């Protein structure tokens, strides 16, 4: 992470989870997720939850925080594939 992401290996803020995506023992990418921000005007408007529902459901949202792909890796559609397999990014709609 220190070598391949512009923010380096700084700690993630709040609750977080990190993954290593690998293929045949070779690291491909290092996705990281953090707890949702308490306030995000654009997100809150898009979701449309009233305040009481937001307080109950905000724990169901994770912010994608890091996603460096190792530069030497050249796999078509790798980012989409990794995100689709990542349990944190499951589409619940």
PDB file of N, CA and C in Angstrom:
ATOM      1  N   UNK A   1       0.841  -1.183   0.000  1.00  0.00           N
ATOM      2  CA  UNK A   1       0.000   0.000   0.000  1.00  0.00           C
ATOM      3  C   UNK A   1       0.886   1.246   0.000  1.00  0.00           C
ATOM      4  N   UNK A   2       1.917   1.217   0.770  1.00  0.00           N
ATOM      5  CA  UNK A   2       2.817   2.369   0.863  1.00  0.00           C
ATOM      6  C   UNK A   2       3.387   2.717  -0.517  1.00  0.00           C
ATOM      7  N   UNK A   3       3.669   1.713  -1.335  1.00  0.00           N
ATOM      8  CA  UNK A   3       4.285   1.936  -2.643  1.00  0.00           C
ATOM      9  C   UNK A   3       3.275   2.247  -3.745  1.00  0.00           C
ATOM     10  N   UNK A   4       2.039   1.786  -3.603  1.00  0.00           N
ATOM     11  CA  UNK A   4       1.119   1.801  -4.739  1.00  0.00           C
ATOM     12  C   UNK A   4      -0.117   2.683  -4.585  1.00  0.00           C
ATOM     13  N   UNK A   5      -0.230   3.422  -3.485  1.00  0.00           N
ATOM     14  CA  UNK A   5      -1.379   4.309  -3.318  1.00  0.00           C
ATOM     15  C   UNK A   5      -0.883   5.676  -2.879  1.00  0.00           C
ATOM     16  N   UNK A   6      -1.443   6.728  -3.460  1.00  0.00           N
ATOM     17  CA  UNK A   6      -0.945   8.069  -3.199  1.00  0.00           C
ATOM     18  C   UNK A   6      -1.105   8.488  -1.738  1.00  0.00           C
ATOM     19  N   UNK A   7      -2.020   7.869  -0.993  1.00  0.00           N
ATOM     20  CA  UNK A   7      -2.158   8.177   0.429  1.00  0.00           C
ATOM     21  C   UNK A   7      -1.257   7.313   1.304  1.00  0.00           C
ATOM     22  N   UNK A   8      -0.592   6.358   0.678  1.00  0.00           N
ATOM     23  CA  UNK A   8       0.336   5.518   1.420  1.00  0.00           C
ATOM     24  C   UNK A   8      -0.358   4.551   2.355  1.00  0.00           C
ATOM     25  N   UNK A   9       0.334   4.242   3.444  1.00  0.00           N
ATOM     26  CA  UNK A   9      -0.148   3.228   4.379  1.00  0.00           C
ATOM     27  C   UNK A   9      -0.690   3.865   5.653  1.00  0.00           C
ATOM     28  N   UNK A  10      -1.229   5.065   5.539  1.00  0.00           N
ATOM     29  CA  UNK A  10      -1.838   5.699   6.702  1.00  0.00           C
ATOM     30  C   UNK A  10      -3.012   4.870   7.183  1.00  0.00           C
ATOM     31  N   UNK A  11      -3.283   4.969   8.474  1.00  0.00           N
ATOM     32  CA  UNK A  11      -4.401   4.201   9.007  1.00  0.00           C
ATOM     33  C   UNK A  11      -5.713   4.736   8.436  1.00  0.00           C
ATOM     34  N   UNK A  12      -6.658   3.861   8.305  1.00  0.00           N
ATOM     35  CA  UNK A  12      -7.983   4.239   7.833  1.00  0.00           C
ATOM     36  C   UNK A  12      -8.773   4.772   9.025  1.00  0.00           C
ATOM     37  N   UNK A  13      -9.608   5.766   8.810  1.00  0.00           N
ATOM     38  CA  UNK A  13     -10.341   6.416   9.889  1.00  0.00           C
ATOM     39  C   UNK A  13     -11.570   5.598  10.269  1.00  0.00           C
ATOM     40  N   UNK A  14     -11.807   5.427  11.565  1.00  0.00           N
ATOM     41  CA  UNK A  14     -12.985   4.708  12.051  1.00  0.00           C
ATOM     42  C   UNK A  14     -12.865   3.209  11.840  1.00  0.00           C
ATOM     43  N   UNK A  15     -14.003   2.559  11.867  1.00  0.00           N
ATOM     44  CA  UNK A  15     -14.021   1.119  11.636  1.00  0.00           C
ATOM     45  C   UNK A  15     -13.607   0.866  10.201  1.00  0.00           C
ATOM     46  N   UNK A  16     -12.788  -0.162  10.007  1.00  0.00           N
ATOM     47  CA  UNK A  16     -12.296  -0.424   8.649  1.00  0.00           C
ATOM     48  C   UNK A  16     -12.048  -1.905   8.447  1.00  0.00           C
ATOM     49  N   UNK A  17     -11.957  -2.251   7.187  1.00  0.00           N
ATOM     50  CA  UNK A  17     -11.595  -3.615   6.808  1.00  0.00           C
ATOM     51  C   UNK A  17     -10.759  -3.525   5.542  1.00  0.00           C
ATOM     52  N   UNK A  18      -9.759  -4.361   5.472  1.00  0.00           N
ATOM     53  CA  UNK A  18      -8.864  -4.377   4.307  1.00  0.00           C
ATOM     54  C   UNK A  18      -8.818  -5.787   3.727  1.00  0.00           C
ATOM     55  N   UNK A  19      -8.665  -5.839   2.440  1.00  0.00           N
ATOM     56  CA  UNK A  19      -8.591  -7.113   1.735  1.00  0.00           C
ATOM     57  C   UNK A  19      -7.327  -7.150   0.882  1.00  0.00           C
ATOM     58  N   UNK A  20      -6.912  -8.360   0.565  1.00  0.00           N
ATOM     59  CA  UNK A  20      -5.871  -8.579  -0.440  1.00  0.00           C
ATOM     60  C   UNK A  20      -6.503  -9.477  -1.491  1.00  0.00           C
ATOM     61  N   UNK A  21      -6.545  -9.004  -2.723  1.00  0.00           N
ATOM     62  CA  UNK A  21      -7.034  -9.834  -3.823  1.00  0.00           C
ATOM     63  C   UNK A  21      -5.806 -10.432  -4.495  1.00  0.00           C
ATOM     64  N   UNK A  22      -5.803 -11.743  -4.617  1.00  0.00           N
ATOM     65  CA  UNK A  22      -4.645 -12.398  -5.209  1.00  0.00           C
ATOM     66  C   UNK A  22      -5.078 -13.462  -6.198  1.00  0.00           C
ATOM     67  N   UNK A  23      -4.171 -13.803  -7.066  1.00  0.00           N
ATOM     68  CA  UNK A  23      -4.376 -14.869  -8.030  1.00  0.00           C
ATOM     69  C   UNK A  23      -3.085 -15.661  -8.129  1.00  0.00           C
ATOM     70  N   UNK A  24      -3.179 -16.925  -7.897  1.00  0.00           N
ATOM     71  CA  UNK A  24      -2.023 -17.824  -7.949  1.00  0.00           C
ATOM     72  C   UNK A  24      -0.883 -17.317  -7.076  1.00  0.00           C
ATOM     73  N   UNK A  25      -1.236 -16.813  -5.877  1.00  0.00           N
ATOM     74  CA  UNK A  25      -0.244 -16.349  -4.928  1.00  0.00           C
ATOM     75  C   UNK A  25       0.309 -14.963  -5.191  1.00  0.00           C
ATOM     76  N   UNK A  26      -0.111 -14.307  -6.266  1.00  0.00           N
ATOM     77  CA  UNK A  26       0.382 -12.964  -6.598  1.00  0.00           C
ATOM     78  C   UNK A  26      -0.674 -11.934  -6.201  1.00  0.00           C
ATOM     79  N   UNK A  27      -0.258 -10.932  -5.428  1.00  0.00           N
ATOM     80  CA  UNK A  27      -1.164  -9.863  -5.036  1.00  0.00           C
ATOM     81  C   UNK A  27      -1.543  -9.038  -6.253  1.00  0.00           C
ATOM     82  N   UNK A  28      -2.845  -8.740  -6.386  1.00  0.00           N
ATOM     83  CA  UNK A  28      -3.347  -7.942  -7.503  1.00  0.00           C
ATOM     84  C   UNK A  28      -3.752  -6.545  -7.056  1.00  0.00           C
ATOM     85  N   UNK A  29      -4.465  -6.466  -5.949  1.00  0.00           N
ATOM     86  CA  UNK A  29      -4.964  -5.191  -5.444  1.00  0.00           C
ATOM     87  C   UNK A  29      -5.214  -5.289  -3.946  1.00  0.00           C
ATOM     88  N   UNK A  30      -5.321  -4.131  -3.307  1.00  0.00           N
ATOM     89  CA  UNK A  30      -5.486  -4.057  -1.857  1.00  0.00           C
ATOM     90  C   UNK A  30      -6.679  -3.168  -1.501  1.00  0.00           C
ATOM     91  N   UNK A  31      -7.904  -3.620  -1.706  1.00  0.00           N
ATOM     92  CA  UNK A  31      -9.058  -2.769  -1.422  1.00  0.00           C
ATOM     93  C   UNK A  31      -9.252  -2.555   0.077  1.00  0.00           C
ATOM     94  N   UNK A  32      -9.676  -1.343   0.442  1.00  0.00           N
ATOM     95  CA  UNK A  32      -9.963  -1.018   1.822  1.00  0.00           C
ATOM     96  C   UNK A  32     -11.295  -0.299   1.940  1.00  0.00           C
ATOM     97  N   UNK A  33     -12.018  -0.576   2.994  1.00  0.00           N
ATOM     98  CA  UNK A  33     -13.344  -0.002   3.223  1.00  0.00           C
ATOM     99  C   UNK A  33     -13.395   0.588   4.627  1.00  0.00           C
ATOM    100  N   UNK A  34     -14.160   1.664   4.801  1.00  0.00           N
ATOM    101  CA  UNK A  34     -14.329   2.288   6.109  1.00  0.00           C
ATOM    102  C   UNK A  34     -15.817   2.529   6.373  1.00  0.00           C
ATOM    103  N   UNK A  35     -16.136   2.761   7.646  1.00  0.00           N
ATOM    104  CA  UNK A  35     -17.521   3.064   8.016  1.00  0.00           C
ATOM    105  C   UNK A  35     -17.974   4.326   7.288  1.00  0.00           C
ATOM    106  N   UNK A  36     -19.246   4.380   6.987  1.00  0.00           N
ATOM    107  CA  UNK A  36     -19.814   5.521   6.261  1.00  0.00           C
ATOM    108  C   UNK A  36     -19.683   6.806   7.059  1.00  0.00           C
ATOM    109  N   UNK A  37     -19.473   7.901   6.352  1.00  0.00           N
ATOM    110  CA  UNK A  37     -19.455   9.220   6.985  1.00  0.00           C
ATOM    111  C   UNK A  37     -20.840   9.508   7.558  1.00  0.00           C
ATOM    112  N   UNK A  38     -20.873  10.198   8.687  1.00  0.00           N
ATOM    113  CA  UNK A  38     -22.164  10.512   9.300  1.00  0.00           C
ATOM    114  C   UNK A  38     -23.006  11.427   8.417  1.00  0.00           C
ATOM    115  N   UNK A  39     -22.343  12.354   7.729  1.00  0.00           N
ATOM    116  CA  UNK A  39     -23.064  13.275   6.867  1.00  0.00           C
ATOM    117  C   UNK A  39     -22.422  13.331   5.494  1.00  0.00           C
ATOM    118  N   UNK A  40     -23.239  13.190   4.492  1.00  0.00           N
ATOM    119  CA  UNK A  40     -22.832  13.356   3.114  1.00  0.00           C
ATOM    120  C   UNK A  40     -24.079  13.817   2.358  1.00  0.00           C
ATOM    121  N   UNK A  41     -24.139  15.082   2.077  1.00  0.00           N
ATOM    122  CA  UNK A  41     -25.343  15.664   1.488  1.00  0.00           C
ATOM    123  C   UNK A  41     -25.759  14.955   0.207  1.00  0.00           C
ATOM    124  N   UNK A  42     -24.801  14.706  -0.668  1.00  0.00           N
ATOM    125  CA  UNK A  42     -25.121  14.053  -1.946  1.00  0.00           C
ATOM    126  C   UNK A  42     -25.646  12.636  -1.712  1.00  0.00           C
ATOM    127  N   UNK A  43     -24.935  11.866  -0.875  1.00  0.00           N
ATOM    128  CA  UNK A  43     -25.385  10.495  -0.588  1.00  0.00           C
ATOM    129  C   UNK A  43     -26.758  10.502   0.062  1.00  0.00           C
ATOM    130  N   UNK A  44     -26.933  11.349   1.064  1.00  0.00           N
ATOM    131  CA  UNK A  44     -28.199  11.379   1.792  1.00  0.00           C
ATOM    132  C   UNK A  44     -29.367  11.771   0.884  1.00  0.00           C
ATOM    133  N   UNK A  45     -29.126  12.699  -0.016  1.00  0.00           N
ATOM    134  CA  UNK A  45     -30.177  13.102  -0.966  1.00  0.00           C
ATOM    135  C   UNK A  45     -30.491  11.954  -1.927  1.00  0.00           C
ATOM    136  N   UNK A  46     -29.445  11.273  -2.417  1.00  0.00           N
ATOM    137  CA  UNK A  46     -29.640  10.174  -3.368  1.00  0.00           C
ATOM    138  C   UNK A  46     -30.408   9.020  -2.732  1.00  0.00           C
ATOM    139  N   UNK A  47     -30.048   8.658  -1.483  1.00  0.00           N
ATOM    140  CA  UNK A  47     -30.730   7.552  -0.803  1.00  0.00           C
ATOM    141  C   UNK A  47     -32.145   7.950  -0.429  1.00  0.00           C
ATOM    142  N   UNK A  48     -32.306   9.168   0.065  1.00  0.00           N
ATOM    143  CA  UNK A  48     -33.636   9.670   0.380  1.00  0.00           C
ATOM    144  C   UNK A  48     -34.215   9.171   1.694  1.00  0.00           C
ATOM    145  N   UNK A  49     -33.383   8.691   2.610  1.00  0.00           N
ATOM    146  CA  UNK A  49     -33.883   8.242   3.900  1.00  0.00           C
ATOM    147  C   UNK A  49     -34.271   9.425   4.770  1.00  0.00           C
ATOM    148  N   UNK A  50     -35.401   9.360   5.443  1.00  0.00           N
ATOM    149  CA  UNK A  50     -35.701  10.385   6.443  1.00  0.00           C
ATOM    150  C   UNK A  50     -34.730  10.218   7.619  1.00  0.00           C
ATOM    151  N   UNK A  51     -34.525  11.265   8.422  1.00  0.00           N
ATOM    152  CA  UNK A  51     -33.520  11.209   9.497  1.00  0.00           C
ATOM    153  C   UNK A  51     -33.625  10.000  10.423  1.00  0.00           C
ATOM    154  N   UNK A  52     -34.823   9.602  10.825  1.00  0.00           N
ATOM    155  CA  UNK A  52     -34.938   8.466  11.744  1.00  0.00           C
ATOM    156  C   UNK A  52     -34.464   7.167  11.088  1.00  0.00           C
ATOM    157  N   UNK A  53     -34.705   7.012   9.804  1.00  0.00           N
ATOM    158  CA  UNK A  53     -34.283   5.815   9.087  1.00  0.00           C
ATOM    159  C   UNK A  53     -32.781   5.831   8.837  1.00  0.00           C
ATOM    160  N   UNK A  54     -32.252   7.012   8.551  1.00  0.00           N
ATOM    161  CA  UNK A  54     -30.806   7.153   8.341  1.00  0.00           C
ATOM    162  C   UNK A  54     -30.040   6.704   9.579  1.00  0.00           C
ATOM    163  N   UNK A  55     -30.494   7.099  10.752  1.00  0.00           N
ATOM    164  CA  UNK A  55     -29.787   6.728  11.984  1.00  0.00           C
ATOM    165  C   UNK A  55     -29.805   5.220  12.201  1.00  0.00           C
ATOM    166  N   UNK A  56     -30.824   4.545  11.713  1.00  0.00           N
ATOM    167  CA  UNK A  56     -30.914   3.094  11.854  1.00  0.00           C
ATOM    168  C   UNK A  56     -30.103   2.340  10.799  1.00  0.00           C
ATOM    169  N   UNK A  57     -30.013   2.918   9.605  1.00  0.00           N
ATOM    170  CA  UNK A  57     -29.437   2.172   8.484  1.00  0.00           C
ATOM    171  C   UNK A  57     -28.035   2.589   8.057  1.00  0.00           C
ATOM    172  N   UNK A  58     -27.500   3.653   8.623  1.00  0.00           N
ATOM    173  CA  UNK A  58     -26.182   4.119   8.211  1.00  0.00           C
ATOM    174  C   UNK A  58     -25.116   3.045   8.411  1.00  0.00           C
ATOM    175  N   UNK A  59     -25.323   2.184   9.386  1.00  0.00           N
ATOM    176  CA  UNK A  59     -24.361   1.104   9.638  1.00  0.00           C
ATOM    177  C   UNK A  59     -24.316   0.095   8.481  1.00  0.00           C
ATOM    178  N   UNK A  60     -25.266   0.152   7.563  1.00  0.00           N
ATOM    179  CA  UNK A  60     -25.294  -0.760   6.422  1.00  0.00           C
ATOM    180  C   UNK A  60     -24.473  -0.262   5.235  1.00  0.00           C
ATOM    181  N   UNK A  61     -23.901   0.944   5.368  1.00  0.00           N
ATOM    182  CA  UNK A  61     -23.156   1.549   4.269  1.00  0.00           C
ATOM    183  C   UNK A  61     -21.664   1.554   4.594  1.00  0.00           C
ATOM    184  N   UNK A  62     -20.851   1.238   3.615  1.00  0.00           N
ATOM    185  CA  UNK A  62     -19.393   1.310   3.763  1.00  0.00           C
ATOM    186  C   UNK A  62     -18.842   2.221   2.667  1.00  0.00           C
ATOM    187  N   UNK A  63     -17.851   3.010   3.024  1.00  0.00           N
ATOM    188  CA  UNK A  63     -17.185   3.864   2.042  1.00  0.00           C
ATOM    189  C   UNK A  63     -15.957   3.149   1.510  1.00  0.00           C
ATOM    190  N   UNK A  64     -15.815   3.174   0.230  1.00  0.00           N
ATOM    191  CA  UNK A  64     -14.642   2.609  -0.415  1.00  0.00           C
ATOM    192  C   UNK A  64     -13.498   3.588  -0.203  1.00  0.00           C
ATOM    193  N   UNK A  65     -12.440   3.152   0.485  1.00  0.00           N
ATOM    194  CA  UNK A  65     -11.392   4.079   0.885  1.00  0.00           C
ATOM    195  C   UNK A  65     -10.096   3.928   0.091  1.00  0.00           C
ATOM    196  N   UNK A  66      -9.709   2.702  -0.220  1.00  0.00           N
ATOM    197  CA  UNK A  66      -8.463   2.457  -0.950  1.00  0.00           C
ATOM    198  C   UNK A  66      -8.704   1.359  -1.987  1.00  0.00           C
ATOM    199  N   UNK A  67      -8.037   1.497  -3.135  1.00  0.00           N
ATOM    200  CA  UNK A  67      -8.146   0.451  -4.153  1.00  0.00           C
ATOM    201  C   UNK A  67      -6.960   0.518  -5.110  1.00  0.00           C
ATOM    202  N   UNK A  68      -5.746   0.405  -4.598  1.00  0.00           N
ATOM    203  CA  UNK A  68      -4.600   0.431  -5.515  1.00  0.00           C
ATOM    204  C   UNK A  68      -4.448  -0.910  -6.233  1.00  0.00           C
ATOM    205  N   UNK A  69      -4.283  -0.849  -7.520  1.00  0.00           N
ATOM    206  CA  UNK A  69      -3.974  -2.044  -8.307  1.00  0.00           C
ATOM    207  C   UNK A  69      -2.476  -2.026  -8.551  1.00  0.00           C
ATOM    208  N   UNK A  70      -1.826  -3.124  -8.269  1.00  0.00           N
ATOM    209  CA  UNK A  70      -0.382  -3.212  -8.433  1.00  0.00           C
ATOM    210  C   UNK A  70      -0.043  -2.873  -9.883  1.00  0.00           C
ATOM    211  N   UNK A  71       0.846  -1.905 -10.126  1.00  0.00           N
ATOM    212  CA  UNK A  71       1.099  -1.396 -11.484  1.00  0.00           C
ATOM    213  C   UNK A  71       1.518  -2.459 -12.508  1.00  0.00           C
ATOM    214  N   UNK A  72       2.205  -3.480 -12.084  1.00  0.00           N
ATOM    215  CA  UNK A  72       2.672  -4.505 -13.032  1.00  0.00           C
ATOM    216  C   UNK A  72       1.547  -5.439 -13.485  1.00  0.00           C
ATOM    217  N   UNK A  73       0.386  -5.333 -12.856  1.00  0.00           N
ATOM    218  CA  UNK A  73      -0.740  -6.215 -13.163  1.00  0.00           C
ATOM    219  C   UNK A  73      -1.554  -5.623 -14.309  1.00  0.00           C
ATOM    220  N   UNK A  74      -1.754  -6.402 -15.348  1.00  0.00           N
ATOM    221  CA  UNK A  74      -2.547  -5.972 -16.502  1.00  0.00           C
ATOM    222  C   UNK A  74      -3.552  -7.074 -16.833  1.00  0.00           C
ATOM    223  N   UNK A  75      -4.706  -6.976 -16.192  1.00  0.00           N
ATOM    224  CA  UNK A  75      -5.778  -7.944 -16.392  1.00  0.00           C
ATOM    225  C   UNK A  75      -7.019  -7.160 -16.810  1.00  0.00           C
ATOM    226  N   UNK A  76      -7.595  -7.481 -17.961  1.00  0.00           N
ATOM    227  CA  UNK A  76      -8.791  -6.761 -18.393  1.00  0.00           C
ATOM    228  C   UNK A  76      -9.913  -6.843 -17.357  1.00  0.00           C
ATOM    229  N   UNK A  77     -10.552  -5.720 -17.085  1.00  0.00           N
ATOM    230  CA  UNK A  77     -11.700  -5.641 -16.173  1.00  0.00           C
ATOM    231  C   UNK A  77     -11.388  -6.085 -14.750  1.00  0.00           C
ATOM    232  N   UNK A  78     -10.133  -5.983 -14.343  1.00  0.00           N
ATOM    233  CA  UNK A  78      -9.732  -6.455 -13.023  1.00  0.00           C
ATOM    234  C   UNK A  78     -10.485  -5.725 -11.907  1.00  0.00           C
ATOM    235  N   UNK A  79     -10.552  -4.406 -11.964  1.00  0.00           N
ATOM    236  CA  UNK A  79     -11.206  -3.642 -10.895  1.00  0.00           C
ATOM    237  C   UNK A  79     -12.675  -4.058 -10.750  1.00  0.00           C
ATOM    238  N   UNK A  80     -13.387  -4.162 -11.847  1.00  0.00           N
ATOM    239  CA  UNK A  80     -14.794  -4.563 -11.789  1.00  0.00           C
ATOM    240  C   UNK A  80     -14.940  -5.967 -11.224  1.00  0.00           C
ATOM    241  N   UNK A  81     -14.065  -6.840 -11.631  1.00  0.00           N
ATOM    242  CA  UNK A  81     -14.129  -8.229 -11.159  1.00  0.00           C
ATOM    243  C   UNK A  81     -13.875  -8.308  -9.656  1.00  0.00           C
ATOM    244  N   UNK A  82     -12.854  -7.607  -9.177  1.00  0.00           N
ATOM    245  CA  UNK A  82     -12.532  -7.623  -7.757  1.00  0.00           C
ATOM    246  C   UNK A  82     -13.689  -7.037  -6.949  1.00  0.00           C
ATOM    247  N   UNK A  83     -14.232  -5.904  -7.386  1.00  0.00           N
ATOM    248  CA  UNK A  83     -15.345  -5.301  -6.667  1.00  0.00           C
ATOM    249  C   UNK A  83     -16.578  -6.204  -6.648  1.00  0.00           C
ATOM    250  N   UNK A  84     -16.825  -6.918  -7.743  1.00  0.00           N
ATOM    251  CA  UNK A  84     -17.988  -7.802  -7.778  1.00  0.00           C
ATOM    252  C   UNK A  84     -17.821  -8.989  -6.853  1.00  0.00           C
ATOM    253  N   UNK A  85     -16.582  -9.406  -6.587  1.00  0.00           N
ATOM    254  CA  UNK A  85     -16.332 -10.540  -5.704  1.00  0.00           C
ATOM    255  C   UNK A  85     -16.183 -10.135  -4.247  1.00  0.00           C
ATOM    256  N   UNK A  86     -15.997  -8.859  -3.985  1.00  0.00           N
ATOM    257  CA  UNK A  86     -15.747  -8.372  -2.643  1.00  0.00           C
ATOM    258  C   UNK A  86     -17.044  -8.383  -1.836  1.00  0.00           C
ATOM    259  N   UNK A  87     -17.082  -9.078  -0.711  1.00  0.00           N
ATOM    260  CA  UNK A  87     -18.325  -9.162   0.063  1.00  0.00           C
ATOM    261  C   UNK A  87     -18.770  -7.807   0.616  1.00  0.00           C
ATOM    262  N   UNK A  88     -17.868  -6.864   0.804  1.00  0.00           N
ATOM    263  CA  UNK A  88     -18.225  -5.554   1.332  1.00  0.00           C
ATOM    264  C   UNK A  88     -18.994  -4.740   0.313  1.00  0.00           C
ATOM    265  N   UNK A  89     -18.796  -5.003  -0.973  1.00  0.00           N
ATOM    266  CA  UNK A  89     -19.431  -4.183  -2.007  1.00  0.00           C
ATOM    267  C   UNK A  89     -20.686  -4.825  -2.587  1.00  0.00           C
ATOM    268  N   UNK A  90     -21.249  -5.781  -1.894  1.00  0.00           N
ATOM    269  CA  UNK A  90     -22.445  -6.456  -2.377  1.00  0.00           C
ATOM    270  C   UNK A  90     -23.584  -5.461  -2.557  1.00  0.00           C
ATOM    271  N   UNK A  91     -24.238  -5.549  -3.684  1.00  0.00           N
ATOM    272  CA  UNK A  91     -25.385  -4.680  -3.971  1.00  0.00           C
ATOM    273  C   UNK A  91     -26.616  -5.283  -3.305  1.00  0.00           C
ATOM    274  N   UNK A  92     -27.186  -4.560  -2.352  1.00  0.00           N
ATOM    275  CA  UNK A  92     -28.340  -5.068  -1.614  1.00  0.00           C
ATOM    276  C   UNK A  92     -29.677  -4.592  -2.169  1.00  0.00           C
ATOM    277  N   UNK A  93     -29.649  -3.868  -3.281  1.00  0.00           N
ATOM    278  CA  UNK A  93     -30.927  -3.349  -3.798  1.00  0.00           C
ATOM    279  C   UNK A  93     -31.678  -4.393  -4.578  1.00  0.00           C
TER     280      UNK A  93
END
